Amino acid sequence: MQSQNPLIADLVKLANSAAGTFAGMTREARESARERVKEAMGGIDFVSREEFDAVKDMAAKAREENEKLSQRLAALEAKIGSR
């Protein structure tokens, strides 16, 4: 059941327009804030999680190999020292 009153119809149109405008302003503010953060952090170099994990794994393997080589060196030095 719709109202035939043009004043009420105009108020409804005004309310709908205001809601649309408010939603647009909210969206615009969010995008503007996102751009400002990107600009502020533009000079900072970040790595992705995948790159970080890859380097972390490489470092762990290097530590393991270093430990094995240290043990081999100690065994060789002990062998040379016992002569």
Protein backbone atom coordinates (compact mmCIF):
# COMPACT_ATOMS: atom_id res chain seq x y z
CA MET A 1 0.00 0.00 0.00
CA GLN A 2 1.68 3.17 -1.21
CA SER A 3 0.98 6.61 0.02
CA GLN A 4 -0.48 9.09 -2.43
CA ASN A 5 0.94 11.98 -0.43
CA PRO A 6 3.67 13.66 -2.55
CA LEU A 7 5.34 15.09 0.57
CA ILE A 8 5.91 11.62 2.02
CA ALA A 9 7.13 10.36 -1.36
CA ASP A 10 9.60 13.25 -1.55
CA LEU A 11 10.84 12.56 1.99
CA VAL A 12 11.39 8.89 1.11
CA LYS A 13 13.34 9.88 -2.01
CA LEU A 14 15.40 12.31 0.06
CA ALA A 15 16.15 9.64 2.67
CA ASN A 16 17.20 7.15 -0.03
CA SER A 17 19.44 9.74 -1.67
CA ALA A 18 21.02 10.63 1.67
CA ALA A 19 21.70 6.95 2.41
CA GLY A 20 23.32 6.50 -1.01
CA THR A 21 25.43 9.60 -0.55
CA PHE A 22 26.54 8.48 2.90
CA ALA A 23 27.52 5.04 1.56
CA GLY A 24 29.52 6.71 -1.22
CA MET A 25 31.28 9.00 1.23
CA THR A 26 32.17 6.03 3.43
CA ARG A 27 33.59 4.14 0.46
CA GLU A 28 35.57 7.19 -0.69
CA ALA A 29 37.00 7.78 2.82
CA ARG A 30 38.08 4.13 3.07
CA GLU A 31 39.82 4.24 -0.32
CA SER A 32 41.49 7.54 0.52
CA ALA A 33 42.79 6.18 3.82
CA ARG A 34 44.09 3.05 2.07
CA GLU A 35 45.96 5.19 -0.48
CA ARG A 36 47.50 7.35 2.26
CA VAL A 37 48.75 4.26 4.09
CA LYS A 38 50.23 2.88 0.87
CA GLU A 39 52.00 6.18 0.21
CA ALA A 40 53.30 6.38 3.78
CA MET A 41 54.64 2.84 3.67
CA GLY A 42 55.90 3.08 0.09
CA GLY A 43 59.51 3.57 1.14
CA ILE A 44 59.53 0.55 3.40
CA ASP A 45 60.45 -2.79 1.83
CA PHE A 46 58.37 -5.70 3.04
CA VAL A 47 58.79 -9.33 2.09
CA SER A 48 56.01 -11.77 1.51
CA ARG A 49 55.38 -14.61 3.94
CA GLU A 50 56.50 -17.13 1.30
CA GLU A 51 59.84 -15.34 0.83
CA PHE A 52 60.35 -15.14 4.59
CA ASP A 53 59.64 -18.86 5.03
CA ALA A 54 61.98 -19.75 2.14
CA VAL A 55 64.86 -17.78 3.67
CA LYS A 56 64.09 -19.23 7.10
CA ASP A 57 64.32 -22.77 5.66
CA MET A 58 67.58 -21.92 3.89
CA ALA A 59 69.05 -20.61 7.14
CA ALA A 60 68.00 -23.77 9.02
CA LYS A 61 69.65 -25.97 6.37
CA ALA A 62 72.80 -23.84 6.50
CA ARG A 63 72.94 -24.20 10.31
CA GLU A 64 72.56 -27.99 10.02
CA GLU A 65 75.31 -28.21 7.42
CA ASN A 66 77.53 -25.93 9.51
CA GLU A 67 77.06 -28.24 12.50
CA LYS A 68 77.94 -31.32 10.40
CA LEU A 69 81.04 -29.62 9.01
CA SER A 70 82.09 -28.54 12.51
CA GLN A 71 81.82 -32.13 13.69
CA ARG A 72 83.83 -33.38 10.70
CA LEU A 73 86.49 -30.75 11.31
CA ALA A 74 86.71 -31.68 14.98
CA ALA A 75 87.08 -35.37 14.04
CA LEU A 76 89.82 -34.57 11.51
CA GLU A 77 91.65 -32.35 13.99
CA ALA A 78 91.44 -35.10 16.61
CA LYS A 79 92.80 -37.59 14.09
CA ILE A 80 95.69 -35.29 13.17
CA GLY A 81 96.36 -34.46 16.82
CA SER A 82 96.65 -38.11 17.77
CA ARG A 83 99.55 -38.72 15.38
